[in-house]
C-alpha atoms as a PDB file:
ATOM      1  CA  MET A   1      -9.586  74.015 197.832  1.00  0.00           C
ATOM      2  CA  GLY A   2      -9.926  77.421 196.761  1.00  0.00           C
ATOM      3  CA  ILE A   3      -9.936  79.465 193.941  1.00  0.00           C
ATOM      4  CA  VAL A   4      -6.875  81.864 193.114  1.00  0.00           C
ATOM      5  CA  LYS A   5      -7.353  84.758 190.732  1.00  0.00           C
ATOM      6  CA  ILE A   6      -4.413  85.235 188.320  1.00  0.00           C
ATOM      7  CA  SER A   7      -3.786  87.558 185.327  1.00  0.00           C
ATOM      8  CA  ASP A   8      -4.798  86.196 181.839  1.00  0.00           C
ATOM      9  CA  GLU A   9      -1.133  86.433 180.886  1.00  0.00           C
ATOM     10  CA  LEU A  10      -0.017  84.166 183.639  1.00  0.00           C
ATOM     11  CA  HIS A  11      -2.806  81.837 182.980  1.00  0.00           C
ATOM     12  CA  GLU A  12      -1.740  81.528 179.245  1.00  0.00           C
ATOM     13  CA  ASP A  13       1.910  81.001 180.455  1.00  0.00           C
ATOM     14  CA  LEU A  14       0.475  78.202 182.711  1.00  0.00           C
ATOM     15  CA  ARG A  15      -1.504  76.739 179.822  1.00  0.00           C
ATOM     16  CA  LEU A  16       1.793  76.567 177.578  1.00  0.00           C
ATOM     17  CA  ALA A  17       3.910  75.181 180.323  1.00  0.00           C
ATOM     18  CA  ALA A  18       1.297  72.688 181.306  1.00  0.00           C
ATOM     19  CA  THR A  19       1.007  71.445 177.614  1.00  0.00           C
ATOM     20  CA  ALA A  20       4.828  71.224 177.237  1.00  0.00           C
ATOM     21  CA  MET A  21       5.317  69.417 180.399  1.00  0.00           C
ATOM     22  CA  SER A  22       2.113  67.099 179.780  1.00  0.00           C
ATOM     23  CA  ARG A  23       0.453  68.433 183.023  1.00  0.00           C
ATOM     24  CA  SER A  24      -2.855  69.853 183.723  1.00  0.00           C
ATOM     25  CA  ILE A  25      -3.016  73.594 184.224  1.00  0.00           C
ATOM     26  CA  ASN A  26      -3.693  72.995 187.978  1.00  0.00           C
ATOM     27  CA  ALA A  27      -0.859  70.565 188.415  1.00  0.00           C
ATOM     28  CA  GLN A  28       1.391  73.115 186.564  1.00  0.00           C
ATOM     29  CA  ALA A  29       0.354  75.874 188.830  1.00  0.00           C
ATOM     30  CA  GLU A  30       0.939  73.650 191.988  1.00  0.00           C
ATOM     31  CA  PHE A  31       4.216  72.718 190.663  1.00  0.00           C
ATOM     32  CA  TRP A  32       5.330  76.282 190.339  1.00  0.00           C
ATOM     33  CA  ILE A  33       3.837  77.184 193.718  1.00  0.00           C
ATOM     34  CA  ARG A  34       6.050  74.406 195.294  1.00  0.00           C
ATOM     35  CA  ILE A  35       9.243  75.391 193.499  1.00  0.00           C
ATOM     36  CA  GLY A  36       8.623  79.077 194.506  1.00  0.00           C
ATOM     37  CA  MET A  37       7.989  78.223 198.134  1.00  0.00           C
ATOM     38  CA  LEU A  38      11.046  76.098 198.176  1.00  0.00           C
ATOM     39  CA  SER A  39      13.197  78.599 196.540  1.00  0.00           C
ATOM     40  CA  GLU A  40      12.143  81.105 199.259  1.00  0.00           C
ATOM     41  CA  LEU A  41      12.924  78.891 202.070  1.00  0.00           C
ATOM     42  CA  HIS A  42      16.130  77.603 200.458  1.00  0.00           C
ATOM     43  CA  PRO A  43      17.710  80.556 198.442  1.00  0.00           C
ATOM     44  CA  GLU A  44      21.110  78.813 198.510  1.00  0.00           C
ATOM     45  CA  GLN A  45      19.894  75.947 196.505  1.00  0.00           C
ATOM     46  CA  THR A  46      19.885  75.538 192.692  1.00  0.00           C
ATOM     47  CA  TYR A  47      16.731  74.596 190.678  1.00  0.00           C
ATOM     48  CA  GLN A  48      18.162  71.161 190.244  1.00  0.00           C
ATOM     49  CA  GLN A  49      18.522  70.683 194.038  1.00  0.00           C
ATOM     50  CA  LEU A  50      15.045  71.768 194.702  1.00  0.00           C
ATOM     51  CA  LEU A  51      13.687  69.383 192.109  1.00  0.00           C
ATOM     52  CA  ARG A  52      15.749  66.596 193.888  1.00  0.00           C
ATOM     53  CA  LYS A  53      14.267  67.731 197.279  1.00  0.00           C
ATOM     54  CA  LEU A  54      10.848  67.463 195.686  1.00  0.00           C
ATOM     55  CA  LEU A  55      11.399  64.037 194.191  1.00  0.00           C
ATOM     56  CA  ARG A  56      12.681  62.863 197.483  1.00  0.00           C
ATOM     57  CA  GLU A  57       9.469  64.097 199.387  1.00  0.00           C
ATOM     58  CA  ASN A  58       7.227  62.472 196.748  1.00  0.00           C
ATOM     59  CA  ALA A  59       9.170  59.176 197.040  1.00  0.00           C
ATOM     60  CA  THR A  60       8.853  59.095 200.863  1.00  0.00           C
ATOM     61  CA  ASN A  61       5.146  60.010 200.511  1.00  0.00           C
ATOM     62  CA  LEU A  62       4.738  57.106 198.069  1.00  0.00           C
ATOM     63  CA  GLN A  63       6.487  54.793 200.377  1.00  0.00           C
ATOM     64  CA  GLU A  64       4.353  55.774 203.358  1.00  0.00           C
ATOM     65  CA  MET A  65       1.280  55.190 201.280  1.00  0.00           C
ATOM     66  CA  VAL A  66       2.352  51.561 200.337  1.00  0.00           C
ATOM     67  CA  GLN A  67       3.118  50.523 204.023  1.00  0.00           C
END
């Protein structure tokens, strides 16, 4: 784990989004990073398609943990 320096403005945006989405600030930052990475890797996909991809990946990870 490391520390990432971001602007005060972006931190405030994260704080507001985290509150609205009932996430911690770190969880919100991780979500935005994951979506950003996926959108760069799959520019042809919509936001909704990227969300479905994340949901499928998380479901697979949960299934593997249970087995």
